[in-house]
Amino acid sequence: MYAAQNPKHEKRLVFQVSGKLWQRSLVMRDLQTGSLWSHLLGEAMAGPLKGTTLKPIPSIITSWGEWREKHPNTTVLNLDPSARKFDTKAWKDRKRFVLGIEIGEKTKAWPFDFLGDNPVRIEKFAGQELLIIFLKESATAFAFENKTTIKSGQLDEGLFVSDDGTRWDLWTSKAVAGSQKGKNLTRVYALPSYRKAWLDFHSGSLIAGEEQEKQSPDSK
């Protein structure tokens, strides 16, 4: 998800599907200038705004059931889907999907099958300490900056319980009980993506769980 405002254009941009692909990934087109944008990079690849980028907004992909449980009054625009294969069954093959993060010029991806085995991850990357949490049932991934001295934790009935007993609502990023009640976690822009697509655009990306394997002589 990106902000529709662009510093090089006065008015809010309106986007549509261009009908084009770049490296087998969707290309968007803005109606105001006709510039073509990579949806994975948020960058204009051709047209008057070429070279400019959209501001990313942290967001998630989740199941309708997971979302509705947390937001029961949600309304939804009921349109006839153009493709019916992208339902919860599409996420069953977890090896095909990653959660990708880009900080500066460094990128790293956490495969969904790795996160399924490690649903709470606290690790340093590109000078930041990250807290990554994965809800296995709905394949929902959250990424936060770990600025609250959390050392470990576990999931309990949809909440994250940190090592000091604080209970965090992942959807609001807020501590709802415990010693840190009222504090907020800071969301990190993280992109759920097909693994192949992520590596097509970020060929030098680190892959969680595979760093030591690449360093091992036995892996050659």
N, C-alpha and C. Protein backbone atom coordinates (compact mmCIF):
# COMPACT_ATOMS: atom_id res chain seq x y z
N MET A 1 0.84 -1.18 0.00
CA MET A 1 0.00 0.00 0.00
C MET A 1 0.88 1.24 0.00
N TYR A 2 0.45 2.24 -0.79
CA TYR A 2 1.23 3.47 -0.90
C TYR A 2 0.31 4.69 -0.77
N ALA A 3 0.90 5.81 -0.35
CA ALA A 3 0.16 7.07 -0.34
C ALA A 3 0.00 7.55 -1.78
N ALA A 4 -1.19 8.06 -2.10
CA ALA A 4 -1.46 8.49 -3.47
C ALA A 4 -0.89 9.86 -3.79
N GLN A 5 -0.46 10.59 -2.75
CA GLN A 5 0.16 11.89 -2.98
C GLN A 5 1.61 11.70 -3.40
N ASN A 6 2.07 12.54 -4.34
CA ASN A 6 3.44 12.47 -4.81
C ASN A 6 4.03 13.87 -4.80
N PRO A 7 5.25 14.04 -4.28
CA PRO A 7 5.83 15.39 -4.19
C PRO A 7 6.03 16.07 -5.53
N LYS A 8 6.04 15.33 -6.62
CA LYS A 8 6.25 15.94 -7.94
C LYS A 8 4.94 16.17 -8.69
N HIS A 9 3.82 15.96 -7.99
CA HIS A 9 2.52 16.19 -8.63
C HIS A 9 1.58 16.79 -7.59
N GLU A 10 0.92 17.89 -7.94
CA GLU A 10 0.12 18.63 -6.97
C GLU A 10 -1.09 17.84 -6.47
N LYS A 11 -1.77 17.15 -7.38
CA LYS A 11 -3.02 16.50 -7.00
C LYS A 11 -2.80 15.03 -6.64
N ARG A 12 -3.74 14.49 -5.91
CA ARG A 12 -3.70 13.08 -5.52
C ARG A 12 -3.79 12.22 -6.78
N LEU A 13 -2.89 11.27 -6.90
CA LEU A 13 -2.86 10.41 -8.08
C LEU A 13 -3.94 9.32 -7.98
N VAL A 14 -4.53 9.00 -9.11
CA VAL A 14 -5.50 7.92 -9.20
C VAL A 14 -4.91 6.84 -10.08
N PHE A 15 -4.91 5.60 -9.59
CA PHE A 15 -4.23 4.53 -10.30
C PHE A 15 -5.22 3.52 -10.89
N GLN A 16 -4.77 2.87 -11.94
CA GLN A 16 -5.52 1.78 -12.54
C GLN A 16 -4.53 0.71 -12.99
N VAL A 17 -5.04 -0.48 -13.24
CA VAL A 17 -4.19 -1.54 -13.77
C VAL A 17 -3.84 -1.20 -15.21
N SER A 18 -2.56 -1.26 -15.55
CA SER A 18 -2.13 -0.85 -16.89
C SER A 18 -2.33 -1.94 -17.94
N GLY A 19 -2.43 -3.17 -17.48
CA GLY A 19 -2.49 -4.29 -18.42
C GLY A 19 -1.11 -4.80 -18.81
N LYS A 20 -0.07 -4.17 -18.25
CA LYS A 20 1.30 -4.56 -18.55
C LYS A 20 1.90 -5.33 -17.37
N LEU A 21 2.95 -6.07 -17.64
CA LEU A 21 3.71 -6.77 -16.62
C LEU A 21 5.18 -6.39 -16.74
N TRP A 22 5.86 -6.34 -15.62
CA TRP A 22 7.31 -6.16 -15.61
C TRP A 22 7.88 -7.22 -14.69
N GLN A 23 8.73 -8.08 -15.25
CA GLN A 23 9.25 -9.23 -14.52
C GLN A 23 8.11 -10.04 -13.90
N ARG A 24 7.08 -10.19 -14.71
CA ARG A 24 5.89 -10.99 -14.37
C ARG A 24 5.12 -10.41 -13.19
N SER A 25 5.28 -9.13 -12.89
CA SER A 25 4.55 -8.50 -11.80
C SER A 25 3.75 -7.31 -12.32
N LEU A 26 2.68 -7.01 -11.61
CA LEU A 26 1.72 -5.98 -12.01
C LEU A 26 2.37 -4.61 -12.19
N VAL A 27 1.97 -3.92 -13.25
CA VAL A 27 2.37 -2.53 -13.48
C VAL A 27 1.13 -1.66 -13.40
N MET A 28 1.18 -0.59 -12.58
CA MET A 28 0.07 0.35 -12.45
C MET A 28 0.29 1.55 -13.36
N ARG A 29 -0.79 2.27 -13.64
CA ARG A 29 -0.72 3.49 -14.45
C ARG A 29 -1.54 4.56 -13.75
N ASP A 30 -0.96 5.76 -13.58
CA ASP A 30 -1.75 6.84 -12.99
C ASP A 30 -2.48 7.60 -14.10
N LEU A 31 -3.70 7.99 -13.80
CA LEU A 31 -4.55 8.66 -14.80
C LEU A 31 -4.10 10.08 -15.09
N GLN A 32 -3.42 10.73 -14.13
CA GLN A 32 -3.06 12.13 -14.30
C GLN A 32 -1.91 12.32 -15.29
N THR A 33 -0.89 11.47 -15.24
CA THR A 33 0.28 11.69 -16.09
C THR A 33 0.55 10.52 -17.05
N GLY A 34 -0.11 9.40 -16.83
CA GLY A 34 0.14 8.23 -17.67
C GLY A 34 1.43 7.50 -17.32
N SER A 35 2.07 7.88 -16.21
CA SER A 35 3.30 7.20 -15.80
C SER A 35 3.00 5.76 -15.40
N LEU A 36 3.96 4.88 -15.63
CA LEU A 36 3.83 3.47 -15.29
C LEU A 36 4.62 3.18 -14.03
N TRP A 37 3.97 2.45 -13.09
CA TRP A 37 4.54 2.23 -11.77
C TRP A 37 4.66 0.75 -11.46
N SER A 38 5.77 0.36 -10.87
CA SER A 38 5.93 -1.00 -10.35
C SER A 38 5.21 -1.09 -9.01
N HIS A 39 4.27 -2.02 -8.89
CA HIS A 39 3.54 -2.13 -7.62
C HIS A 39 4.43 -2.70 -6.52
N LEU A 40 5.46 -3.46 -6.88
CA LEU A 40 6.34 -4.03 -5.87
C LEU A 40 7.33 -3.00 -5.32
N LEU A 41 7.77 -2.09 -6.17
CA LEU A 41 8.74 -1.08 -5.75
C LEU A 41 8.09 0.25 -5.38
N GLY A 42 6.87 0.50 -5.88
CA GLY A 42 6.24 1.79 -5.66
C GLY A 42 6.96 2.90 -6.40
N GLU A 43 7.60 2.55 -7.51
CA GLU A 43 8.43 3.50 -8.26
C GLU A 43 7.92 3.64 -9.69
N ALA A 44 7.94 4.88 -10.19
CA ALA A 44 7.56 5.13 -11.58
C ALA A 44 8.70 4.68 -12.49
N MET A 45 8.38 3.75 -13.40
CA MET A 45 9.40 3.18 -14.27
C MET A 45 9.46 3.85 -15.63
N ALA A 46 8.38 4.55 -15.99
CA ALA A 46 8.33 5.24 -17.29
C ALA A 46 7.29 6.35 -17.21
N GLY A 47 7.46 7.38 -18.05
CA GLY A 47 6.51 8.49 -18.07
C GLY A 47 7.05 9.73 -17.38
N PRO A 48 6.22 10.78 -17.28
CA PRO A 48 6.66 12.06 -16.72
C PRO A 48 7.19 11.97 -15.29
N LEU A 49 6.70 11.00 -14.50
CA LEU A 49 7.14 10.89 -13.10
C LEU A 49 8.21 9.82 -12.90
N LYS A 50 8.84 9.38 -13.99
CA LYS A 50 9.85 8.33 -13.91
C LYS A 50 10.92 8.67 -12.87
N GLY A 51 11.24 7.65 -12.05
CA GLY A 51 12.28 7.83 -11.04
C GLY A 51 11.77 8.27 -9.69
N THR A 52 10.50 8.70 -9.60
CA THR A 52 9.94 9.10 -8.31
C THR A 52 9.31 7.89 -7.64
N THR A 53 9.20 7.95 -6.33
CA THR A 53 8.64 6.84 -5.57
C THR A 53 7.47 7.30 -4.73
N LEU A 54 6.57 6.37 -4.46
CA LEU A 54 5.43 6.62 -3.59
C LEU A 54 5.81 6.28 -2.15
N LYS A 55 5.22 6.98 -1.20
CA LYS A 55 5.48 6.72 0.21
C LYS A 55 4.75 5.44 0.63
N PRO A 56 5.49 4.42 1.11
CA PRO A 56 4.83 3.19 1.52
C PRO A 56 4.07 3.35 2.83
N ILE A 57 2.95 2.67 2.95
CA ILE A 57 2.14 2.67 4.16
C ILE A 57 2.09 1.24 4.70
N PRO A 58 2.50 1.00 5.95
CA PRO A 58 2.45 -0.35 6.49
C PRO A 58 1.03 -0.92 6.41
N SER A 59 0.92 -2.14 5.91
CA SER A 59 -0.37 -2.80 5.77
C SER A 59 -0.14 -4.30 5.84
N ILE A 60 -1.21 -5.05 5.86
CA ILE A 60 -1.10 -6.51 5.96
C ILE A 60 -2.04 -7.17 4.97
N ILE A 61 -1.76 -8.44 4.69
CA ILE A 61 -2.69 -9.30 3.98
C ILE A 61 -3.15 -10.35 4.97
N THR A 62 -4.45 -10.53 5.10
CA THR A 62 -4.99 -11.48 6.06
C THR A 62 -6.24 -12.13 5.50
N SER A 63 -6.78 -13.07 6.23
CA SER A 63 -8.02 -13.72 5.79
C SER A 63 -9.20 -12.86 6.19
N TRP A 64 -10.31 -13.03 5.48
CA TRP A 64 -11.53 -12.30 5.81
C TRP A 64 -12.01 -12.67 7.21
N GLY A 65 -11.88 -13.95 7.57
CA GLY A 65 -12.31 -14.39 8.89
C GLY A 65 -11.51 -13.73 9.99
N GLU A 66 -10.20 -13.65 9.81
CA GLU A 66 -9.34 -13.01 10.81
C GLU A 66 -9.67 -11.53 10.96
N TRP A 67 -9.86 -10.86 9.83
CA TRP A 67 -10.18 -9.43 9.86
C TRP A 67 -11.55 -9.19 10.51
N ARG A 68 -12.54 -9.98 10.12
CA ARG A 68 -13.90 -9.77 10.62
C ARG A 68 -14.00 -10.03 12.12
N GLU A 69 -13.20 -10.97 12.63
CA GLU A 69 -13.21 -11.25 14.06
C GLU A 69 -12.74 -10.03 14.85
N LYS A 70 -11.74 -9.32 14.32
CA LYS A 70 -11.21 -8.14 15.01
C LYS A 70 -12.02 -6.89 14.71
N HIS A 71 -12.66 -6.85 13.53
CA HIS A 71 -13.42 -5.66 13.11
C HIS A 71 -14.80 -6.10 12.63
N PRO A 72 -15.68 -6.50 13.56
CA PRO A 72 -16.97 -7.09 13.19
C PRO A 72 -17.91 -6.16 12.43
N ASN A 73 -17.71 -4.85 12.51
CA ASN A 73 -18.60 -3.90 11.84
C ASN A 73 -18.09 -3.47 10.47
N THR A 74 -17.06 -4.15 9.98
CA THR A 74 -16.50 -3.81 8.68
C THR A 74 -17.51 -4.02 7.55
N THR A 75 -17.56 -3.09 6.62
CA THR A 75 -18.35 -3.27 5.40
C THR A 75 -17.39 -3.57 4.26
N VAL A 76 -17.87 -4.25 3.25
CA VAL A 76 -17.00 -4.63 2.14
C VAL A 76 -17.74 -4.43 0.82
N LEU A 77 -17.01 -3.95 -0.18
CA LEU A 77 -17.58 -3.77 -1.51
C LEU A 77 -17.65 -5.13 -2.18
N ASN A 78 -18.84 -5.58 -2.50
CA ASN A 78 -19.05 -6.92 -3.05
C ASN A 78 -19.02 -6.86 -4.57
N LEU A 79 -17.84 -7.15 -5.12
CA LEU A 79 -17.67 -7.18 -6.56
C LEU A 79 -17.41 -8.61 -7.02
N ASP A 80 -17.81 -8.92 -8.22
CA ASP A 80 -17.53 -10.24 -8.77
C ASP A 80 -16.04 -10.34 -9.03
N PRO A 81 -15.33 -11.26 -8.36
CA PRO A 81 -13.88 -11.33 -8.53
C PRO A 81 -13.49 -11.78 -9.93
N SER A 82 -12.40 -11.18 -10.43
CA SER A 82 -11.93 -11.55 -11.75
C SER A 82 -11.14 -12.86 -11.72
N ALA A 83 -10.64 -13.21 -10.53
CA ALA A 83 -9.93 -14.48 -10.37
C ALA A 83 -10.34 -15.10 -9.04
N ARG A 84 -10.63 -16.38 -9.05
CA ARG A 84 -11.13 -17.04 -7.85
C ARG A 84 -10.08 -17.92 -7.17
N LYS A 85 -8.86 -17.95 -7.69
CA LYS A 85 -7.87 -18.84 -7.12
C LYS A 85 -7.14 -18.23 -5.92
N PHE A 86 -7.31 -16.92 -5.69
CA PHE A 86 -6.58 -16.29 -4.60
C PHE A 86 -7.43 -16.27 -3.32
N ASP A 87 -7.77 -17.45 -2.83
CA ASP A 87 -8.47 -17.57 -1.57
C ASP A 87 -7.49 -18.14 -0.54
N THR A 88 -7.99 -18.56 0.62
CA THR A 88 -7.09 -19.04 1.66
C THR A 88 -6.29 -20.27 1.22
N LYS A 89 -6.80 -21.03 0.27
CA LYS A 89 -6.07 -22.20 -0.19
C LYS A 89 -4.76 -21.81 -0.88
N ALA A 90 -4.72 -20.61 -1.44
CA ALA A 90 -3.52 -20.17 -2.14
C ALA A 90 -2.33 -20.04 -1.19
N TRP A 91 -2.62 -19.87 0.11
CA TRP A 91 -1.54 -19.67 1.08
C TRP A 91 -1.08 -20.98 1.71
N LYS A 92 -1.66 -22.09 1.29
CA LYS A 92 -1.30 -23.38 1.89
C LYS A 92 0.16 -23.75 1.62
N ASP A 93 0.65 -23.44 0.43
CA ASP A 93 2.03 -23.73 0.08
C ASP A 93 2.90 -22.58 0.57
N ARG A 94 3.28 -22.62 1.84
CA ARG A 94 3.94 -21.50 2.48
C ARG A 94 5.32 -21.20 1.89
N LYS A 95 5.94 -22.17 1.24
CA LYS A 95 7.27 -21.96 0.68
C LYS A 95 7.26 -20.92 -0.45
N ARG A 96 6.09 -20.69 -1.04
CA ARG A 96 6.00 -19.78 -2.18
C ARG A 96 5.97 -18.31 -1.76
N PHE A 97 5.76 -18.04 -0.47
CA PHE A 97 5.53 -16.67 -0.03
C PHE A 97 6.56 -16.22 0.99
N VAL A 98 6.83 -14.92 0.99
CA VAL A 98 7.77 -14.32 1.94
C VAL A 98 7.20 -13.00 2.46
N LEU A 99 7.75 -12.56 3.57
CA LEU A 99 7.53 -11.20 4.05
C LEU A 99 8.84 -10.46 3.81
N GLY A 100 8.81 -9.46 2.94
CA GLY A 100 10.03 -8.75 2.56
C GLY A 100 10.12 -7.38 3.21
N ILE A 101 11.32 -7.03 3.65
CA ILE A 101 11.57 -5.73 4.25
C ILE A 101 12.79 -5.10 3.60
N GLU A 102 12.68 -3.82 3.27
CA GLU A 102 13.78 -3.06 2.70
C GLU A 102 14.10 -1.88 3.61
N ILE A 103 15.35 -1.81 4.07
CA ILE A 103 15.80 -0.70 4.90
C ILE A 103 17.05 -0.13 4.24
N GLY A 104 16.96 1.10 3.78
CA GLY A 104 18.07 1.68 3.04
C GLY A 104 18.28 0.89 1.76
N GLU A 105 19.47 0.39 1.57
CA GLU A 105 19.78 -0.40 0.38
C GLU A 105 19.81 -1.90 0.68
N LYS A 106 19.41 -2.28 1.89
CA LYS A 106 19.46 -3.68 2.29
C LYS A 106 18.05 -4.28 2.29
N THR A 107 17.96 -5.53 1.86
CA THR A 107 16.67 -6.22 1.84
C THR A 107 16.80 -7.60 2.47
N LYS A 108 15.71 -8.03 3.06
CA LYS A 108 15.66 -9.37 3.65
C LYS A 108 14.24 -9.89 3.55
N ALA A 109 14.11 -11.20 3.37
CA ALA A 109 12.80 -11.83 3.26
C ALA A 109 12.71 -12.98 4.25
N TRP A 110 11.52 -13.10 4.86
CA TRP A 110 11.23 -14.18 5.80
C TRP A 110 10.20 -15.10 5.16
N PRO A 111 10.60 -16.29 4.71
CA PRO A 111 9.64 -17.21 4.09
C PRO A 111 8.52 -17.58 5.07
N PHE A 112 7.31 -17.76 4.54
CA PHE A 112 6.18 -18.08 5.39
C PHE A 112 6.35 -19.42 6.08
N ASP A 113 7.00 -20.40 5.42
CA ASP A 113 7.19 -21.68 6.08
C ASP A 113 8.17 -21.54 7.25
N PHE A 114 9.17 -20.66 7.10
CA PHE A 114 10.10 -20.37 8.20
C PHE A 114 9.37 -19.70 9.36
N LEU A 115 8.51 -18.72 9.04
CA LEU A 115 7.75 -18.02 10.08
C LEU A 115 6.75 -18.95 10.75
N GLY A 116 6.23 -19.93 10.00
CA GLY A 116 5.32 -20.88 10.60
C GLY A 116 5.99 -21.67 11.72
N ASP A 117 7.29 -21.94 11.55
CA ASP A 117 8.06 -22.64 12.59
C ASP A 117 8.63 -21.69 13.63
N ASN A 118 8.67 -20.40 13.30
CA ASN A 118 9.23 -19.38 14.19
C ASN A 118 8.27 -18.19 14.22
N PRO A 119 7.08 -18.34 14.82
CA PRO A 119 6.05 -17.30 14.72
C PRO A 119 6.37 -15.99 15.44
N VAL A 120 7.36 -16.01 16.33
CA VAL A 120 7.83 -14.78 16.98
C VAL A 120 9.33 -14.67 16.76
N ARG A 121 9.73 -13.62 16.05
CA ARG A 121 11.14 -13.41 15.73
C ARG A 121 11.58 -12.03 16.22
N ILE A 122 12.70 -12.00 16.94
CA ILE A 122 13.32 -10.74 17.33
C ILE A 122 14.75 -10.79 16.81
N GLU A 123 15.09 -9.92 15.89
CA GLU A 123 16.43 -9.96 15.31
C GLU A 123 16.82 -8.59 14.77
N LYS A 124 18.13 -8.40 14.63
CA LYS A 124 18.65 -7.14 14.11
C LYS A 124 18.86 -7.25 12.61
N PHE A 125 18.47 -6.20 11.91
CA PHE A 125 18.67 -6.13 10.47
C PHE A 125 18.87 -4.69 10.05
N ALA A 126 19.92 -4.43 9.33
CA ALA A 126 20.22 -3.09 8.79
C ALA A 126 20.20 -2.02 9.88
N GLY A 127 20.75 -2.36 11.03
CA GLY A 127 20.87 -1.38 12.11
C GLY A 127 19.62 -1.22 12.95
N GLN A 128 18.57 -1.97 12.66
CA GLN A 128 17.34 -1.90 13.45
C GLN A 128 17.04 -3.24 14.08
N GLU A 129 16.44 -3.21 15.27
CA GLU A 129 15.96 -4.45 15.87
C GLU A 129 14.48 -4.60 15.52
N LEU A 130 14.14 -5.73 14.95
CA LEU A 130 12.79 -5.96 14.46
C LEU A 130 12.08 -7.02 15.29
N LEU A 131 10.79 -6.85 15.42
CA LEU A 131 9.90 -7.85 16.02
C LEU A 131 8.93 -8.29 14.94
N ILE A 132 9.01 -9.55 14.55
CA ILE A 132 8.16 -10.08 13.50
C ILE A 132 7.28 -11.18 14.09
N ILE A 133 5.98 -11.07 13.86
CA ILE A 133 5.01 -12.01 14.43
C ILE A 133 4.14 -12.56 13.32
N PHE A 134 3.90 -13.86 13.37
CA PHE A 134 3.19 -14.55 12.29
C PHE A 134 2.04 -15.37 12.88
N LEU A 135 0.83 -15.09 12.39
CA LEU A 135 -0.35 -15.88 12.77
C LEU A 135 -0.50 -17.01 11.77
N LYS A 136 -0.19 -18.22 12.19
CA LYS A 136 -0.08 -19.34 11.25
C LYS A 136 -1.42 -19.68 10.58
N GLU A 137 -2.50 -19.63 11.34
CA GLU A 137 -3.78 -20.07 10.81
C GLU A 137 -4.22 -19.25 9.60
N SER A 138 -4.00 -17.94 9.67
CA SER A 138 -4.44 -17.06 8.58
C SER A 138 -3.28 -16.55 7.74
N ALA A 139 -2.05 -16.98 8.04
CA ALA A 139 -0.84 -16.52 7.32
C ALA A 139 -0.75 -15.00 7.32
N THR A 140 -0.96 -14.41 8.51
CA THR A 140 -0.90 -12.96 8.67
C THR A 140 0.41 -12.57 9.35
N ALA A 141 1.18 -11.70 8.71
CA ALA A 141 2.49 -11.32 9.24
C ALA A 141 2.51 -9.86 9.65
N PHE A 142 3.05 -9.60 10.84
CA PHE A 142 3.21 -8.24 11.35
C PHE A 142 4.70 -7.97 11.56
N ALA A 143 5.13 -6.74 11.31
CA ALA A 143 6.52 -6.36 11.55
C ALA A 143 6.54 -5.02 12.29
N PHE A 144 7.34 -4.96 13.36
CA PHE A 144 7.45 -3.77 14.19
C PHE A 144 8.91 -3.47 14.47
N GLU A 145 9.19 -2.19 14.79
CA GLU A 145 10.48 -1.85 15.38
C GLU A 145 10.43 -2.24 16.84
N ASN A 146 11.47 -2.89 17.32
CA ASN A 146 11.50 -3.31 18.72
C ASN A 146 12.22 -2.25 19.55
N LYS A 147 11.47 -1.23 19.95
CA LYS A 147 12.03 -0.15 20.76
C LYS A 147 11.58 -0.23 22.21
N THR A 148 10.92 -1.32 22.57
CA THR A 148 10.34 -1.43 23.91
C THR A 148 11.04 -2.49 24.76
N THR A 149 12.28 -2.82 24.42
CA THR A 149 13.11 -3.78 25.15
C THR A 149 12.46 -5.15 25.30
N ILE A 150 11.69 -5.57 24.31
CA ILE A 150 11.12 -6.91 24.33
C ILE A 150 12.23 -7.91 23.98
N LYS A 151 12.40 -8.92 24.80
CA LYS A 151 13.44 -9.92 24.59
C LYS A 151 12.89 -11.23 24.04
N SER A 152 11.65 -11.51 24.35
CA SER A 152 11.01 -12.73 23.88
C SER A 152 9.51 -12.59 24.07
N GLY A 153 8.77 -13.58 23.65
CA GLY A 153 7.32 -13.52 23.82
C GLY A 153 6.64 -14.69 23.14
N GLN A 154 5.31 -14.71 23.27
CA GLN A 154 4.52 -15.78 22.66
C GLN A 154 3.13 -15.27 22.33
N LEU A 155 2.45 -16.01 21.48
CA LEU A 155 1.08 -15.66 21.12
C LEU A 155 0.10 -16.34 22.06
N ASP A 156 -0.95 -15.61 22.41
CA ASP A 156 -1.97 -16.15 23.30
C ASP A 156 -3.32 -15.57 22.90
N GLU A 157 -4.15 -16.41 22.28
CA GLU A 157 -5.51 -16.00 21.87
C GLU A 157 -5.49 -14.75 21.02
N GLY A 158 -4.58 -14.70 20.06
CA GLY A 158 -4.53 -13.60 19.12
C GLY A 158 -3.77 -12.38 19.60
N LEU A 159 -3.32 -12.38 20.86
CA LEU A 159 -2.52 -11.29 21.39
C LEU A 159 -1.06 -11.75 21.51
N PHE A 160 -0.16 -10.79 21.48
CA PHE A 160 1.25 -11.08 21.70
C PHE A 160 1.58 -10.75 23.15
N VAL A 161 2.14 -11.73 23.87
CA VAL A 161 2.52 -11.53 25.27
C VAL A 161 4.04 -11.47 25.35
N SER A 162 4.58 -10.31 25.68
CA SER A 162 6.03 -10.15 25.76
C SER A 162 6.55 -10.73 27.06
N ASP A 163 7.88 -10.82 27.17
CA ASP A 163 8.51 -11.50 28.30
C ASP A 163 8.19 -10.87 29.65
N ASP A 164 7.79 -9.58 29.68
CA ASP A 164 7.45 -8.94 30.95
C ASP A 164 5.98 -9.09 31.30
N GLY A 165 5.23 -9.88 30.50
CA GLY A 165 3.82 -10.11 30.77
C GLY A 165 2.88 -9.13 30.11
N THR A 166 3.42 -8.12 29.42
CA THR A 166 2.57 -7.16 28.72
C THR A 166 1.85 -7.84 27.56
N ARG A 167 0.56 -7.52 27.38
CA ARG A 167 -0.24 -8.11 26.31
C ARG A 167 -0.47 -7.03 25.24
N TRP A 168 -0.11 -7.37 24.00
CA TRP A 168 -0.14 -6.41 22.90
C TRP A 168 -1.20 -6.82 21.88
N ASP A 169 -2.02 -5.85 21.48
CA ASP A 169 -2.96 -6.04 20.38
C ASP A 169 -2.21 -5.77 19.08
N LEU A 170 -2.02 -6.79 18.27
CA LEU A 170 -1.22 -6.65 17.05
C LEU A 170 -1.87 -5.71 16.05
N TRP A 171 -3.19 -5.67 16.04
CA TRP A 171 -3.90 -4.87 15.03
C TRP A 171 -3.83 -3.38 15.31
N THR A 172 -3.82 -3.01 16.59
CA THR A 172 -3.72 -1.60 16.95
C THR A 172 -2.29 -1.21 17.33
N SER A 173 -1.42 -2.22 17.46
CA SER A 173 -0.01 -2.01 17.86
C SER A 173 0.11 -1.47 19.28
N LYS A 174 -0.92 -1.68 20.10
CA LYS A 174 -0.95 -1.07 21.43
C LYS A 174 -0.92 -2.13 22.52
N ALA A 175 -0.23 -1.80 23.64
CA ALA A 175 -0.24 -2.65 24.83
C ALA A 175 -1.56 -2.45 25.56
N VAL A 176 -2.32 -3.53 25.75
CA VAL A 176 -3.65 -3.42 26.36
C VAL A 176 -3.67 -3.86 27.81
N ALA A 177 -2.58 -4.48 28.28
CA ALA A 177 -2.51 -4.90 29.68
C ALA A 177 -1.05 -5.15 30.03
N GLY A 178 -0.73 -5.01 31.32
CA GLY A 178 0.63 -5.26 31.77
C GLY A 178 1.40 -3.98 32.05
N SER A 179 2.69 -4.15 32.34
CA SER A 179 3.51 -3.02 32.78
C SER A 179 3.69 -1.94 31.72
N GLN A 180 3.53 -2.30 30.45
CA GLN A 180 3.70 -1.32 29.38
C GLN A 180 2.36 -0.87 28.78
N LYS A 181 1.28 -1.10 29.51
CA LYS A 181 -0.05 -0.75 29.01
C LYS A 181 -0.10 0.71 28.53
N GLY A 182 -0.67 0.91 27.34
CA GLY A 182 -0.79 2.24 26.77
C GLY A 182 0.31 2.58 25.78
N LYS A 183 1.42 1.83 25.83
CA LYS A 183 2.50 2.08 24.88
C LYS A 183 2.15 1.50 23.51
N ASN A 184 2.82 2.02 22.48
CA ASN A 184 2.57 1.57 21.11
C ASN A 184 3.84 1.02 20.48
N LEU A 185 3.67 -0.02 19.68
CA LEU A 185 4.74 -0.50 18.83
C LEU A 185 4.69 0.27 17.51
N THR A 186 5.84 0.47 16.88
CA THR A 186 5.91 1.18 15.61
C THR A 186 5.95 0.18 14.47
N ARG A 187 4.96 0.25 13.59
CA ARG A 187 4.90 -0.67 12.45
C ARG A 187 6.02 -0.38 11.47
N VAL A 188 6.53 -1.44 10.86
CA VAL A 188 7.54 -1.36 9.81
C VAL A 188 6.87 -1.74 8.49
N TYR A 189 7.21 -1.01 7.43
CA TYR A 189 6.67 -1.38 6.12
C TYR A 189 7.27 -2.71 5.69
N ALA A 190 6.42 -3.71 5.55
CA ALA A 190 6.85 -5.05 5.17
C ALA A 190 5.88 -5.56 4.11
N LEU A 191 6.42 -6.19 3.09
CA LEU A 191 5.61 -6.56 1.92
C LEU A 191 5.44 -8.08 1.81
N PRO A 192 4.22 -8.59 1.98
CA PRO A 192 3.98 -10.00 1.67
C PRO A 192 4.05 -10.18 0.16
N SER A 193 4.81 -11.16 -0.30
CA SER A 193 5.05 -11.30 -1.73
C SER A 193 5.31 -12.76 -2.08
N TYR A 194 5.10 -13.08 -3.35
CA TYR A 194 5.62 -14.35 -3.84
C TYR A 194 7.14 -14.31 -3.69
N ARG A 195 7.72 -15.40 -3.24
CA ARG A 195 9.17 -15.47 -3.06
C ARG A 195 9.90 -15.15 -4.37
N LYS A 196 9.44 -15.74 -5.45
CA LYS A 196 10.11 -15.53 -6.74
C LYS A 196 10.06 -14.07 -7.15
N ALA A 197 8.90 -13.43 -6.98
CA ALA A 197 8.78 -12.02 -7.36
C ALA A 197 9.70 -11.15 -6.52
N TRP A 198 9.76 -11.42 -5.21
CA TRP A 198 10.64 -10.63 -4.35
C TRP A 198 12.08 -10.73 -4.81
N LEU A 199 12.54 -11.95 -5.13
CA LEU A 199 13.92 -12.15 -5.55
C LEU A 199 14.19 -11.61 -6.95
N ASP A 200 13.17 -11.56 -7.80
CA ASP A 200 13.32 -10.94 -9.12
C ASP A 200 13.68 -9.47 -8.99
N PHE A 201 13.06 -8.81 -8.00
CA PHE A 201 13.29 -7.37 -7.81
C PHE A 201 14.41 -7.08 -6.81
N HIS A 202 14.74 -8.07 -5.98
CA HIS A 202 15.78 -7.88 -4.95
C HIS A 202 16.68 -9.11 -4.97
N SER A 203 17.47 -9.23 -6.03
CA SER A 203 18.26 -10.45 -6.24
C SER A 203 19.29 -10.70 -5.15
N GLY A 204 19.74 -9.65 -4.47
CA GLY A 204 20.73 -9.82 -3.42
C GLY A 204 20.15 -9.94 -2.03
N SER A 205 18.85 -10.16 -1.93
CA SER A 205 18.17 -10.17 -0.65
C SER A 205 18.64 -11.33 0.23
N LEU A 206 18.77 -11.06 1.51
CA LEU A 206 18.98 -12.13 2.48
C LEU A 206 17.67 -12.89 2.65
N ILE A 207 17.78 -14.18 2.96
CA ILE A 207 16.60 -15.01 3.21
C ILE A 207 16.72 -15.58 4.61
N ALA A 208 15.76 -15.30 5.46
CA ALA A 208 15.80 -15.79 6.84
C ALA A 208 15.85 -17.32 6.86
N GLY A 209 16.72 -17.85 7.70
CA GLY A 209 16.85 -19.29 7.82
C GLY A 209 17.84 -19.88 6.86
N GLU A 210 18.32 -19.07 5.90
CA GLU A 210 19.25 -19.60 4.91
C GLU A 210 20.63 -18.95 4.97
N GLU A 211 20.80 -17.98 5.88
CA GLU A 211 22.08 -17.28 5.96
C GLU A 211 23.22 -18.24 6.29
N GLN A 212 23.05 -19.06 7.33
CA GLN A 212 24.12 -19.98 7.73
C GLN A 212 24.32 -21.08 6.70
N GLU A 213 23.22 -21.48 6.06
CA GLU A 213 23.32 -22.51 5.05
C GLU A 213 24.23 -22.06 3.91
N LYS A 214 24.13 -20.75 3.54
CA LYS A 214 24.97 -20.23 2.46
C LYS A 214 26.44 -20.17 2.89
N GLN A 215 26.67 -19.97 4.19
CA GLN A 215 28.03 -19.87 4.67
C GLN A 215 28.68 -21.23 4.89
N SER A 216 27.87 -22.30 5.01
CA SER A 216 28.38 -23.61 5.31
C SER A 216 29.06 -24.24 4.10
N PRO A 217 30.27 -24.84 4.27
CA PRO A 217 30.95 -25.51 3.14
C PRO A 217 30.11 -26.65 2.59
N ASP A 218 29.29 -27.27 3.44
CA ASP A 218 28.50 -28.41 2.99
C ASP A 218 27.36 -28.00 2.09
N SER A 219 27.07 -26.69 2.04
CA SER A 219 25.93 -26.23 1.23
C SER A 219 26.32 -26.00 -0.22
N LYS A 220 27.60 -26.10 -0.57
CA LYS A 220 28.04 -25.86 -1.94
C LYS A 220 27.74 -27.06 -2.81
